[in-house]
Amino acid sequence: MSASKADAVVATPTQPPRKQAPSGARRASKPPRKPSGIVKSVTPYLLVAPAILGIAFLLFYPVVRNVMLSFQHYRFKQLISRSADYVGWENYQAVFKDDEFWEVTRRTFYFTAINVVAIMVISTLCALMLMKLGKTMRIVVLIGLVAAWATPVIAATTIFKWLFRSDNGVVNWALVKLGFDYEGYTWFAHGTSTLTVVTLLIVWQSIPFATLTLYAGLTTVSTDVYESARLDGAGPVRIFSSITFPILRPIFALVTSLEVIWIFKSFAQIWAIAGENGPINDVRTLPVYAYQQGMSLKLFDMAGAISTITVLILVVMLVFYFRQMFKQEREADK
């Protein structure tokens, strides 16, 4: 055989070359591993474990420690020695026999009721007003509400103290211009006037949240329902009482319950306004009273008992409120 023929035979392959699949394709063709049964069942708990640990450390432990403290004889001496004796219900008996406790409790209930009613009424009117405003004005009002809501508590408290100053406060100046005799009036010298300022401050701080929540609920109500009611001759009051409020009853209940909790346990505003040189004993509520017992008088056991009673009062109030609400809903469904 000649060389040319041999070269032709060598150059002509008998089989076509096999194509090599890329390594990534081979790996992709394999089915993914499924997690084992133990891993699949434990994973959800591992994901929520950090949140549960944080809540346990920041909430449950202080509550349990406070309840334990209320059953001990725990004063400044016991704080240093780190040892205390259990005295049973003696702290609670002492609290219930204290006339100051009952005076502060009544003031707390009055203070909470006035604030919550004012907040809910004004917030409802503001939410209804937002529904009537044009787009531009609605955005302006919403920005103002969010800005007021975002103002820190101490900053807002300081602003209100400036507004109600006796020498150059804006409120006294405005009242004098309107013809009232408030020249040099000292708002923070008496319990009633100081509590009035605190009420105005808390209402001003609470209106944005309540208004935005109620406005969000109002936007979900169909306009066809309102148009049908107007065609039937219903006025604004009848529309609100027969349509708006029944539809948004759960939202009203949620906002009211949150406001009751926040107002009942309010501390920073009262202490910042009247705690230093003001009539704190004439405006104190249960949280302030508990703070005085613990931090000022070093009666940590009494403070624990008062704060535990405060929590129980809140729980009883909310349970009663929700029971009444659910009862009304069941009667309405019938």
Protein backbone atom coordinates (compact mmCIF):
# COMPACT_ATOMS: atom_id res chain seq x y z
CA MET A 1 0.00 0.00 0.00
CA SER A 2 1.33 3.34 -0.89
CA ALA A 3 2.02 6.09 1.66
CA SER A 4 -0.76 8.32 0.33
CA LYS A 5 -3.30 5.56 0.76
CA ALA A 6 -2.06 4.85 4.30
CA ASP A 7 -2.39 8.50 5.19
CA ALA A 8 -5.97 8.55 3.83
CA VAL A 9 -6.88 5.55 5.93
CA VAL A 10 -5.45 7.12 9.08
CA ALA A 11 -7.10 10.48 8.45
CA THR A 12 -10.56 8.98 7.99
CA PRO A 13 -12.00 8.06 11.39
CA THR A 14 -14.21 5.03 11.63
CA GLN A 15 -16.55 6.61 14.34
CA PRO A 16 -17.56 10.23 14.97
CA PRO A 17 -15.95 11.82 18.08
CA ARG A 18 -18.10 11.79 21.25
CA LYS A 19 -19.10 15.15 22.61
CA GLN A 20 -18.24 15.76 26.27
CA ALA A 21 -21.06 17.23 28.34
CA PRO A 22 -20.03 20.17 30.49
CA SER A 23 -19.46 19.44 34.15
CA GLY A 24 -22.15 21.94 35.22
CA ALA A 25 -24.75 20.13 33.13
CA ARG A 26 -23.86 16.82 34.76
CA ARG A 27 -24.28 18.34 38.19
CA ALA A 28 -27.57 19.99 37.23
CA SER A 29 -29.01 16.74 36.02
CA LYS A 30 -28.75 15.23 39.50
CA PRO A 31 -31.91 15.77 41.62
CA PRO A 32 -31.40 18.05 44.65
CA ARG A 33 -31.13 16.49 48.05
CA LYS A 34 -34.27 16.63 50.12
CA PRO A 35 -33.85 17.61 53.77
CA SER A 36 -34.32 14.84 56.23
CA GLY A 37 -37.43 14.64 58.40
CA ILE A 38 -35.66 15.93 61.51
CA VAL A 39 -34.18 18.95 59.75
CA LYS A 40 -37.51 19.76 58.11
CA SER A 41 -39.36 19.69 61.41
CA VAL A 42 -36.74 21.63 63.38
CA THR A 43 -36.03 24.40 60.83
CA PRO A 44 -39.16 26.53 61.56
CA TYR A 45 -38.37 26.54 65.27
CA LEU A 46 -34.77 27.54 64.61
CA LEU A 47 -35.95 30.46 62.47
CA VAL A 48 -38.23 31.88 65.18
CA ALA A 49 -35.86 31.04 68.05
CA PRO A 50 -34.05 34.44 68.04
CA ALA A 51 -37.36 36.33 68.27
CA ILE A 52 -38.63 34.05 71.04
CA LEU A 53 -35.40 34.44 73.01
CA GLY A 54 -35.54 38.21 72.61
CA ILE A 55 -39.15 38.36 73.81
CA ALA A 56 -38.37 36.05 76.73
CA PHE A 57 -35.41 38.17 77.79
CA LEU A 58 -37.06 41.58 77.31
CA LEU A 59 -40.62 40.77 78.41
CA PHE A 60 -41.24 37.50 80.22
CA TYR A 61 -38.24 37.60 82.53
CA PRO A 62 -38.92 41.16 83.81
CA VAL A 63 -42.59 40.29 84.38
CA VAL A 64 -41.78 37.11 86.29
CA ARG A 65 -39.05 38.88 88.26
CA ASN A 66 -41.41 41.71 89.12
CA VAL A 67 -44.09 39.31 90.36
CA MET A 68 -41.52 37.49 92.50
CA LEU A 69 -40.33 40.83 93.86
CA SER A 70 -43.88 41.75 94.92
CA PHE A 71 -43.96 38.74 97.27
CA GLN A 72 -40.63 39.58 98.93
CA HIS A 73 -39.39 42.06 101.50
CA TYR A 74 -37.00 43.85 99.15
CA ARG A 75 -35.59 47.23 100.13
CA PHE A 76 -32.19 48.92 99.67
CA LYS A 77 -30.53 46.58 102.17
CA GLN A 78 -31.74 43.53 100.27
CA LEU A 79 -30.58 45.08 97.02
CA ILE A 80 -27.02 45.21 98.37
CA SER A 81 -27.05 41.81 100.05
CA ARG A 82 -28.83 40.09 97.15
CA SER A 83 -31.04 38.15 99.55
CA ALA A 84 -34.68 38.68 100.45
CA ASP A 85 -37.36 36.86 102.43
CA TYR A 86 -40.73 35.96 101.03
CA VAL A 87 -43.56 37.68 102.91
CA GLY A 88 -46.56 36.40 100.99
CA TRP A 89 -49.35 38.93 100.42
CA GLU A 90 -48.10 41.55 102.88
CA ASN A 91 -47.04 44.00 100.16
CA TYR A 92 -50.42 43.78 98.44
CA GLN A 93 -52.22 44.26 101.74
CA ALA A 94 -50.13 47.34 102.44
CA VAL A 95 -50.88 48.73 98.98
CA PHE A 96 -54.64 48.21 99.30
CA LYS A 97 -54.65 49.89 102.72
CA ASP A 98 -52.83 52.95 101.37
CA ASP A 99 -55.19 55.88 100.65
CA GLU A 100 -52.69 57.36 98.19
CA PHE A 101 -52.93 54.24 96.04
CA TRP A 102 -56.70 54.58 95.66
CA GLU A 103 -56.39 58.31 94.91
CA VAL A 104 -53.79 57.62 92.22
CA THR A 105 -55.91 54.77 90.80
CA ARG A 106 -58.96 57.02 90.44
CA ARG A 107 -56.85 59.71 88.79
CA THR A 108 -55.42 57.11 86.39
CA PHE A 109 -58.89 55.97 85.32
CA TYR A 110 -60.13 59.55 84.80
CA PHE A 111 -56.96 60.49 82.96
CA THR A 112 -57.19 57.45 80.67
CA ALA A 113 -60.89 57.93 79.93
CA ILE A 114 -60.53 61.62 79.03
CA ASN A 115 -57.54 61.00 76.79
CA VAL A 116 -58.99 57.99 74.98
CA VAL A 117 -62.33 59.70 74.30
CA ALA A 118 -60.61 62.85 73.01
CA ILE A 119 -58.21 60.84 70.84
CA MET A 120 -60.91 58.67 69.28
CA VAL A 121 -63.30 61.56 68.58
CA ILE A 122 -60.66 63.86 67.07
CA SER A 123 -59.00 61.04 65.12
CA THR A 124 -62.32 59.92 63.65
CA LEU A 125 -63.11 63.46 62.52
CA CYS A 126 -59.62 63.82 61.02
CA ALA A 127 -59.96 60.50 59.16
CA LEU A 128 -63.34 61.53 57.75
CA MET A 129 -61.85 64.89 56.73
CA LEU A 130 -59.03 63.13 54.85
CA MET A 131 -61.62 61.26 52.82
CA LYS A 132 -63.10 64.58 51.67
CA LEU A 133 -59.83 66.36 50.84
CA GLY A 134 -58.27 66.56 47.42
CA LYS A 135 -55.11 64.66 46.56
CA THR A 136 -52.67 67.52 47.22
CA MET A 137 -54.13 68.59 50.55
CA ARG A 138 -54.48 64.97 51.63
CA ILE A 139 -50.79 64.38 51.03
CA VAL A 140 -49.89 67.55 52.96
CA VAL A 141 -52.03 66.52 55.94
CA LEU A 142 -50.66 62.97 55.91
CA ILE A 143 -47.08 64.28 55.89
CA GLY A 144 -47.91 66.50 58.86
CA LEU A 145 -49.44 63.56 60.76
CA VAL A 146 -46.43 61.36 60.09
CA ALA A 147 -44.05 64.14 61.18
CA ALA A 148 -45.96 64.62 64.44
CA TRP A 149 -46.01 60.86 65.00
CA ALA A 150 -42.26 60.60 64.39
CA THR A 151 -41.39 63.32 66.91
CA PRO A 152 -39.62 61.79 69.94
CA VAL A 153 -41.51 61.90 73.20
CA ILE A 154 -38.97 63.98 75.10
CA ALA A 155 -38.58 66.41 72.21
CA ALA A 156 -42.35 66.93 72.01
CA THR A 157 -42.53 67.31 75.80
CA THR A 158 -39.82 69.99 75.71
CA ILE A 159 -41.69 71.87 72.97
CA PHE A 160 -44.90 71.85 75.01
CA LYS A 161 -43.03 73.12 78.07
CA TRP A 162 -41.78 76.03 75.96
CA LEU A 163 -45.26 76.71 74.61
CA PHE A 164 -46.75 76.92 78.11
CA ARG A 165 -44.00 78.96 79.75
CA SER A 166 -45.30 81.64 82.10
CA ASP A 167 -42.97 84.44 80.98
CA ASN A 168 -42.76 84.15 77.18
CA GLY A 169 -44.91 81.17 76.26
CA VAL A 170 -46.90 81.27 73.04
CA VAL A 171 -50.07 79.94 74.72
CA ASN A 172 -50.23 82.72 77.32
CA TRP A 173 -49.51 85.33 74.65
CA ALA A 174 -52.30 83.99 72.43
CA LEU A 175 -54.79 83.84 75.29
CA VAL A 176 -53.99 87.41 76.32
CA LYS A 177 -54.49 88.57 72.70
CA LEU A 178 -57.89 86.87 72.72
CA GLY A 179 -58.90 88.81 75.81
CA PHE A 180 -58.29 86.25 78.56
CA ASP A 181 -56.45 87.17 81.75
CA TYR A 182 -53.50 84.78 81.43
CA GLU A 183 -50.65 87.28 81.73
CA GLY A 184 -47.79 85.42 83.45
CA TYR A 185 -49.99 82.42 84.30
CA THR A 186 -47.94 79.50 85.65
CA TRP A 187 -49.28 76.32 84.10
CA PHE A 188 -46.94 73.97 85.97
CA ALA A 189 -47.65 75.24 89.49
CA HIS A 190 -50.98 73.46 90.01
CA GLY A 191 -52.09 69.90 89.50
CA THR A 192 -55.14 70.63 87.34
CA SER A 193 -53.37 72.92 84.89
CA THR A 194 -50.34 70.61 84.68
CA LEU A 195 -52.56 67.62 83.98
CA THR A 196 -54.31 69.67 81.29
CA VAL A 197 -50.99 70.29 79.54
CA VAL A 198 -50.07 66.60 79.82
CA THR A 199 -53.46 65.64 78.36
CA LEU A 200 -53.01 68.00 75.41
CA LEU A 201 -49.52 66.60 74.81
CA ILE A 202 -50.61 62.95 74.87
CA VAL A 203 -53.65 63.63 72.67
CA TRP A 204 -51.45 65.46 70.17
CA GLN A 205 -48.97 62.57 70.10
CA SER A 206 -51.66 59.87 69.78
CA ILE A 207 -53.89 61.39 67.11
CA PRO A 208 -51.58 60.58 64.12
CA PHE A 209 -51.56 56.81 64.70
CA ALA A 210 -55.30 56.61 65.31
CA THR A 211 -56.10 58.87 62.35
CA LEU A 212 -53.90 56.96 59.90
CA THR A 213 -55.31 53.61 61.04
CA LEU A 214 -58.92 54.75 60.78
CA TYR A 215 -58.25 56.42 57.43
CA ALA A 216 -56.78 53.18 56.10
CA GLY A 217 -59.96 51.41 57.19
CA LEU A 218 -62.19 54.03 55.57
CA THR A 219 -60.48 53.55 52.21
CA THR A 220 -61.62 49.91 52.18
CA VAL A 221 -65.33 50.81 52.37
CA SER A 222 -66.97 50.83 48.95
CA THR A 223 -68.26 54.19 47.76
CA ASP A 224 -71.32 52.47 46.29
CA VAL A 225 -72.61 51.85 49.80
CA TYR A 226 -72.40 55.55 50.63
CA GLU A 227 -74.05 56.55 47.36
CA SER A 228 -76.95 54.16 47.99
CA ALA A 229 -77.41 55.56 51.50
CA ARG A 230 -77.43 59.15 50.19
CA LEU A 231 -80.04 58.23 47.58
CA ASP A 232 -82.19 56.87 50.39
CA GLY A 233 -81.95 60.24 52.15
CA ALA A 234 -79.44 59.34 54.89
CA GLY A 235 -77.40 62.20 56.34
CA PRO A 236 -73.75 62.16 57.44
CA VAL A 237 -74.54 61.14 61.03
CA ARG A 238 -76.85 58.34 59.92
CA ILE A 239 -74.31 57.10 57.36
CA PHE A 240 -71.58 56.98 59.98
CA SER A 241 -73.68 55.26 62.64
CA SER A 242 -75.36 52.76 60.30
CA ILE A 243 -72.62 52.04 57.74
CA THR A 244 -69.15 53.30 58.61
CA PHE A 245 -68.96 52.37 62.28
CA PRO A 246 -70.47 48.85 61.95
CA ILE A 247 -68.14 48.00 59.07
CA LEU A 248 -65.06 49.36 60.84
CA ARG A 249 -66.01 48.13 64.32
CA PRO A 250 -62.97 45.77 64.56
CA ILE A 251 -60.60 48.61 63.63
CA PHE A 252 -62.22 50.95 66.15
CA ALA A 253 -61.91 48.22 68.80
CA LEU A 254 -58.23 47.66 67.98
CA VAL A 255 -57.32 51.35 68.06
CA THR A 256 -59.29 51.93 71.28
CA SER A 257 -57.65 49.01 73.06
CA LEU A 258 -54.17 50.13 72.00
CA GLU A 259 -54.85 53.68 73.13
CA VAL A 260 -56.13 52.43 76.51
CA ILE A 261 -52.91 50.48 77.00
CA TRP A 262 -50.65 53.34 75.93
CA ILE A 263 -52.44 56.02 77.96
CA PHE A 264 -52.82 53.87 81.07
CA LYS A 265 -49.10 53.15 81.20
CA SER A 266 -47.88 56.60 80.11
CA PHE A 267 -44.94 57.75 82.18
CA ALA A 268 -42.41 59.81 80.21
CA GLN A 269 -44.69 62.79 79.52
CA ILE A 270 -45.88 63.10 83.12
CA TRP A 271 -42.44 62.73 84.65
CA ALA A 272 -40.72 65.04 82.15
CA ILE A 273 -43.23 67.84 82.76
CA ALA A 274 -43.89 67.57 86.51
CA GLY A 275 -41.16 65.31 87.84
CA GLU A 276 -38.46 67.86 88.63
CA ASN A 277 -40.05 71.00 90.04
CA GLY A 278 -43.73 70.46 89.24
CA PRO A 279 -46.64 69.17 91.33
CA ILE A 280 -45.85 65.52 90.63
CA ASN A 281 -47.89 64.23 93.58
CA ASP A 282 -51.00 65.91 92.16
CA VAL A 283 -50.68 64.49 88.66
CA ARG A 284 -49.05 61.09 89.15
CA THR A 285 -50.68 57.98 87.74
CA LEU A 286 -50.04 54.34 88.66
CA PRO A 287 -46.81 53.96 86.61
CA VAL A 288 -45.41 57.18 88.10
CA TYR A 289 -46.50 56.11 91.59
CA ALA A 290 -44.74 52.75 91.18
CA TYR A 291 -41.60 54.52 89.96
CA GLN A 292 -41.62 56.81 92.99
CA GLN A 293 -41.95 53.89 95.36
CA GLY A 294 -39.11 51.99 93.76
CA MET A 295 -36.56 54.58 92.64
CA SER A 296 -37.19 57.44 95.07
CA LEU A 297 -38.15 55.60 98.26
CA LYS A 298 -36.25 52.36 97.49
CA LEU A 299 -39.38 50.32 98.30
CA PHE A 300 -38.82 47.86 95.50
CA ASP A 301 -41.28 45.33 96.87
CA MET A 302 -44.07 47.90 96.99
CA ALA A 303 -43.20 49.07 93.48
CA GLY A 304 -43.40 45.48 92.27
CA ALA A 305 -46.83 45.04 93.84
CA ILE A 306 -48.15 48.30 92.37
CA SER A 307 -46.88 47.53 88.87
CA THR A 308 -48.31 44.00 89.03
CA ILE A 309 -51.69 45.41 90.05
CA THR A 310 -51.46 47.88 87.16
CA VAL A 311 -50.94 45.06 84.67
CA LEU A 312 -53.84 43.08 86.13
CA ILE A 313 -56.13 46.11 85.93
CA LEU A 314 -55.24 46.54 82.26
CA VAL A 315 -55.89 42.86 81.53
CA VAL A 316 -59.29 42.95 83.27
CA MET A 317 -60.29 46.14 81.43
CA LEU A 318 -59.35 44.74 78.02
CA VAL A 319 -61.03 41.38 78.65
CA PHE A 320 -64.25 43.12 79.69
CA TYR A 321 -64.06 45.46 76.69
CA PHE A 322 -63.56 42.66 74.16
CA ARG A 323 -66.30 40.55 75.73
CA GLN A 324 -68.75 43.42 75.35
CA MET A 325 -67.64 43.98 71.77
CA PHE A 326 -68.04 40.30 70.81
CA LYS A 327 -71.43 40.22 72.54
CA GLN A 328 -72.62 43.19 70.47
CA GLU A 329 -71.36 41.53 67.28
CA ARG A 330 -73.23 38.31 68.07
CA GLU A 331 -76.42 40.26 68.75
CA ALA A 332 -75.97 42.20 65.49
CA ASP A 333 -75.52 38.93 63.53
CA LYS A 334 -78.80 37.63 64.91
